[in-house]
Amino acid sequence: MKNKNRDFITVKAEDGVEKHYTVEALFDMEDQTYALLESDDETVLMRVENENGEQYLVGLNNPEERNSILEAYQIAVEASQTGDLH
């Protein structure tokens, strides 16, 4: 079963439309926390923001930032699978 032991989240877009995602990963990079979310038809990377004790998700609008973070995440995943992560 693919989603066994996974967390689920509902994201409400600015237009009020709700979409359900599986939390594939939460990770820290460059003093920021990111969430990799997956639905039936898309995978989304969002930044986790903290304000007044509340957490919320912010979309990454800059393609260079998104690609850079995804590349670094993929390198870390591959390194951890081969035991090269120090």
N, C-alpha and C. Protein backbone atom coordinates (compact mmCIF):
# COMPACT_ATOMS: atom_id res chain seq x y z
N MET A 1 0.83 -1.17 0.00
CA MET A 1 0.00 0.00 0.00
C MET A 1 0.88 1.24 0.00
N LYS A 2 0.74 2.11 -0.96
CA LYS A 2 1.61 3.25 -1.16
C LYS A 2 1.55 4.26 -0.02
N ASN A 3 0.39 4.60 0.50
CA ASN A 3 0.23 5.66 1.48
C ASN A 3 0.21 5.17 2.92
N LYS A 4 0.63 3.96 3.17
CA LYS A 4 0.65 3.43 4.53
C LYS A 4 1.61 4.28 5.37
N ASN A 5 1.15 4.68 6.56
CA ASN A 5 1.94 5.46 7.50
C ASN A 5 2.34 6.83 6.96
N ARG A 6 1.53 7.42 6.13
CA ARG A 6 1.78 8.77 5.60
C ARG A 6 0.82 9.74 6.24
N ASP A 7 1.25 10.99 6.32
CA ASP A 7 0.37 12.06 6.79
C ASP A 7 -0.35 12.66 5.60
N PHE A 8 -1.55 13.14 5.85
CA PHE A 8 -2.36 13.76 4.81
C PHE A 8 -2.66 15.19 5.21
N ILE A 9 -2.81 16.05 4.20
CA ILE A 9 -3.08 17.45 4.46
C ILE A 9 -4.04 17.97 3.39
N THR A 10 -4.88 18.91 3.79
CA THR A 10 -5.76 19.58 2.85
C THR A 10 -5.28 21.01 2.71
N VAL A 11 -5.03 21.42 1.47
CA VAL A 11 -4.56 22.77 1.19
C VAL A 11 -5.71 23.55 0.56
N LYS A 12 -5.95 24.71 1.12
CA LYS A 12 -7.00 25.58 0.59
C LYS A 12 -6.32 26.71 -0.18
N ALA A 13 -6.55 26.77 -1.48
CA ALA A 13 -5.94 27.79 -2.33
C ALA A 13 -6.59 29.15 -2.08
N GLU A 14 -5.97 30.19 -2.58
CA GLU A 14 -6.50 31.54 -2.42
C GLU A 14 -7.91 31.68 -2.98
N ASP A 15 -8.23 30.88 -3.99
CA ASP A 15 -9.57 30.95 -4.60
C ASP A 15 -10.60 30.11 -3.83
N GLY A 16 -10.16 29.50 -2.71
CA GLY A 16 -11.08 28.74 -1.86
C GLY A 16 -11.19 27.26 -2.20
N VAL A 17 -10.56 26.83 -3.28
CA VAL A 17 -10.63 25.42 -3.69
C VAL A 17 -9.70 24.60 -2.79
N GLU A 18 -10.22 23.50 -2.25
CA GLU A 18 -9.44 22.62 -1.40
C GLU A 18 -8.93 21.43 -2.20
N LYS A 19 -7.67 21.03 -1.89
CA LYS A 19 -7.06 19.89 -2.56
C LYS A 19 -6.38 19.05 -1.49
N HIS A 20 -6.49 17.74 -1.60
CA HIS A 20 -5.93 16.80 -0.63
C HIS A 20 -4.59 16.28 -1.13
N TYR A 21 -3.61 16.26 -0.22
CA TYR A 21 -2.26 15.81 -0.55
C TYR A 21 -1.77 14.81 0.49
N THR A 22 -0.82 13.99 0.07
CA THR A 22 -0.04 13.15 0.95
C THR A 22 1.27 13.88 1.21
N VAL A 23 1.70 13.93 2.46
CA VAL A 23 2.98 14.55 2.78
C VAL A 23 4.07 13.51 2.51
N GLU A 24 4.81 13.73 1.44
CA GLU A 24 5.88 12.80 1.06
C GLU A 24 7.15 13.06 1.85
N ALA A 25 7.41 14.34 2.17
CA ALA A 25 8.63 14.66 2.92
C ALA A 25 8.51 16.04 3.53
N LEU A 26 9.13 16.20 4.68
CA LEU A 26 9.36 17.49 5.31
C LEU A 26 10.87 17.57 5.51
N PHE A 27 11.49 18.66 5.09
CA PHE A 27 12.94 18.78 5.22
C PHE A 27 13.35 20.23 5.38
N ASP A 28 14.52 20.42 5.99
CA ASP A 28 15.08 21.75 6.20
C ASP A 28 16.22 21.98 5.22
N MET A 29 16.27 23.20 4.70
CA MET A 29 17.33 23.59 3.80
C MET A 29 17.48 25.11 3.86
N GLU A 30 18.72 25.57 4.06
CA GLU A 30 19.01 27.00 4.11
C GLU A 30 18.10 27.72 5.12
N ASP A 31 18.00 27.18 6.32
CA ASP A 31 17.21 27.77 7.41
C ASP A 31 15.73 27.89 7.10
N GLN A 32 15.23 27.11 6.18
CA GLN A 32 13.81 27.07 5.85
C GLN A 32 13.34 25.62 5.93
N THR A 33 12.06 25.43 6.21
CA THR A 33 11.46 24.10 6.19
C THR A 33 10.56 24.01 4.97
N TYR A 34 10.64 22.88 4.27
CA TYR A 34 9.86 22.66 3.06
C TYR A 34 9.03 21.39 3.19
N ALA A 35 7.91 21.38 2.51
CA ALA A 35 7.03 20.21 2.45
C ALA A 35 6.89 19.77 1.00
N LEU A 36 7.14 18.50 0.74
CA LEU A 36 6.92 17.91 -0.57
C LEU A 36 5.59 17.17 -0.49
N LEU A 37 4.61 17.64 -1.25
CA LEU A 37 3.25 17.12 -1.19
C LEU A 37 2.89 16.46 -2.51
N GLU A 38 2.09 15.39 -2.43
CA GLU A 38 1.70 14.67 -3.65
C GLU A 38 0.21 14.38 -3.62
N SER A 39 -0.43 14.62 -4.76
CA SER A 39 -1.84 14.24 -4.94
C SER A 39 -1.89 13.24 -6.09
N ASP A 40 -3.10 12.89 -6.50
CA ASP A 40 -3.23 11.94 -7.60
C ASP A 40 -2.64 12.47 -8.90
N ASP A 41 -2.65 13.81 -9.07
CA ASP A 41 -2.24 14.36 -10.36
C ASP A 41 -1.09 15.36 -10.32
N GLU A 42 -0.50 15.61 -9.14
CA GLU A 42 0.61 16.55 -9.10
C GLU A 42 1.46 16.38 -7.85
N THR A 43 2.69 16.87 -7.93
CA THR A 43 3.59 16.95 -6.79
C THR A 43 3.94 18.42 -6.61
N VAL A 44 3.87 18.89 -5.37
CA VAL A 44 4.04 20.30 -5.08
C VAL A 44 5.07 20.47 -3.98
N LEU A 45 5.95 21.46 -4.13
CA LEU A 45 6.91 21.83 -3.10
C LEU A 45 6.44 23.15 -2.50
N MET A 46 6.32 23.20 -1.18
CA MET A 46 5.87 24.42 -0.50
C MET A 46 6.78 24.69 0.69
N ARG A 47 6.92 25.96 1.02
CA ARG A 47 7.71 26.37 2.18
C ARG A 47 6.78 26.44 3.39
N VAL A 48 7.26 25.95 4.54
CA VAL A 48 6.50 26.00 5.79
C VAL A 48 6.88 27.30 6.50
N GLU A 49 5.91 28.14 6.76
CA GLU A 49 6.13 29.42 7.45
C GLU A 49 5.53 29.33 8.84
N ASN A 50 6.15 30.03 9.79
CA ASN A 50 5.65 30.11 11.16
C ASN A 50 5.34 31.56 11.48
N GLU A 51 4.16 31.80 12.01
CA GLU A 51 3.77 33.15 12.40
C GLU A 51 2.83 33.07 13.59
N ASN A 52 3.19 33.75 14.66
CA ASN A 52 2.38 33.78 15.88
C ASN A 52 2.01 32.39 16.38
N GLY A 53 2.96 31.47 16.33
CA GLY A 53 2.73 30.12 16.81
C GLY A 53 1.94 29.23 15.87
N GLU A 54 1.59 29.73 14.71
CA GLU A 54 0.84 28.97 13.70
C GLU A 54 1.76 28.62 12.53
N GLN A 55 1.53 27.48 11.92
CA GLN A 55 2.26 27.09 10.72
C GLN A 55 1.32 27.15 9.53
N TYR A 56 1.86 27.60 8.41
CA TYR A 56 1.10 27.58 7.17
C TYR A 56 2.04 27.35 6.00
N LEU A 57 1.49 26.97 4.87
CA LEU A 57 2.28 26.65 3.68
C LEU A 57 2.23 27.79 2.68
N VAL A 58 3.37 28.04 2.05
CA VAL A 58 3.48 29.08 1.04
C VAL A 58 4.03 28.45 -0.23
N GLY A 59 3.38 28.70 -1.34
CA GLY A 59 3.85 28.18 -2.62
C GLY A 59 5.14 28.86 -3.05
N LEU A 60 5.96 28.16 -3.81
CA LEU A 60 7.20 28.73 -4.34
C LEU A 60 6.94 29.20 -5.76
N ASN A 61 6.95 30.51 -5.95
CA ASN A 61 6.66 31.08 -7.26
C ASN A 61 7.89 31.22 -8.13
N ASN A 62 9.07 31.19 -7.52
CA ASN A 62 10.31 31.35 -8.27
C ASN A 62 10.78 29.98 -8.75
N PRO A 63 10.75 29.73 -10.06
CA PRO A 63 11.15 28.41 -10.59
C PRO A 63 12.60 28.06 -10.27
N GLU A 64 13.49 29.05 -10.22
CA GLU A 64 14.89 28.77 -9.90
C GLU A 64 15.03 28.29 -8.46
N GLU A 65 14.33 28.94 -7.54
CA GLU A 65 14.36 28.52 -6.13
C GLU A 65 13.80 27.10 -6.00
N ARG A 66 12.66 26.85 -6.63
CA ARG A 66 12.02 25.53 -6.56
C ARG A 66 12.95 24.46 -7.12
N ASN A 67 13.52 24.70 -8.30
CA ASN A 67 14.40 23.70 -8.92
C ASN A 67 15.66 23.46 -8.11
N SER A 68 16.22 24.52 -7.55
CA SER A 68 17.42 24.40 -6.73
C SER A 68 17.16 23.54 -5.49
N ILE A 69 16.03 23.77 -4.85
CA ILE A 69 15.69 23.01 -3.65
C ILE A 69 15.39 21.56 -3.99
N LEU A 70 14.66 21.33 -5.07
CA LEU A 70 14.36 19.95 -5.47
C LEU A 70 15.62 19.19 -5.85
N GLU A 71 16.56 19.85 -6.54
CA GLU A 71 17.83 19.20 -6.90
C GLU A 71 18.62 18.82 -5.64
N ALA A 72 18.71 19.75 -4.69
CA ALA A 72 19.44 19.46 -3.46
C ALA A 72 18.77 18.35 -2.67
N TYR A 73 17.44 18.35 -2.64
CA TYR A 73 16.70 17.30 -1.95
C TYR A 73 16.98 15.94 -2.60
N GLN A 74 16.95 15.89 -3.93
CA GLN A 74 17.20 14.63 -4.64
C GLN A 74 18.61 14.12 -4.38
N ILE A 75 19.58 15.01 -4.36
CA ILE A 75 20.97 14.61 -4.07
C ILE A 75 21.06 14.03 -2.66
N ALA A 76 20.39 14.67 -1.69
CA ALA A 76 20.41 14.18 -0.31
C ALA A 76 19.75 12.81 -0.20
N VAL A 77 18.63 12.62 -0.90
CA VAL A 77 17.94 11.33 -0.87
C VAL A 77 18.83 10.24 -1.46
N GLU A 78 19.44 10.53 -2.60
CA GLU A 78 20.31 9.54 -3.24
C GLU A 78 21.51 9.22 -2.37
N ALA A 79 22.09 10.23 -1.73
CA ALA A 79 23.24 10.01 -0.86
C ALA A 79 22.86 9.17 0.35
N SER A 80 21.68 9.42 0.90
CA SER A 80 21.27 8.65 2.08
C SER A 80 20.98 7.19 1.72
N GLN A 81 20.53 6.95 0.50
CA GLN A 81 20.26 5.58 0.07
C GLN A 81 21.52 4.79 -0.18
N THR A 82 22.61 5.47 -0.57
CA THR A 82 23.87 4.79 -0.83
C THR A 82 24.81 4.83 0.37
N GLY A 83 24.39 5.55 1.43
CA GLY A 83 25.23 5.66 2.61
C GLY A 83 26.31 6.70 2.50
N ASP A 84 26.24 7.57 1.51
CA ASP A 84 27.28 8.59 1.31
C ASP A 84 27.00 9.89 2.07
N LEU A 85 25.91 9.97 2.79
CA LEU A 85 25.55 11.19 3.50
C LEU A 85 26.34 11.27 4.80
N HIS A 86 27.08 12.35 4.99
CA HIS A 86 27.91 12.53 6.20
C HIS A 86 27.45 13.71 6.97
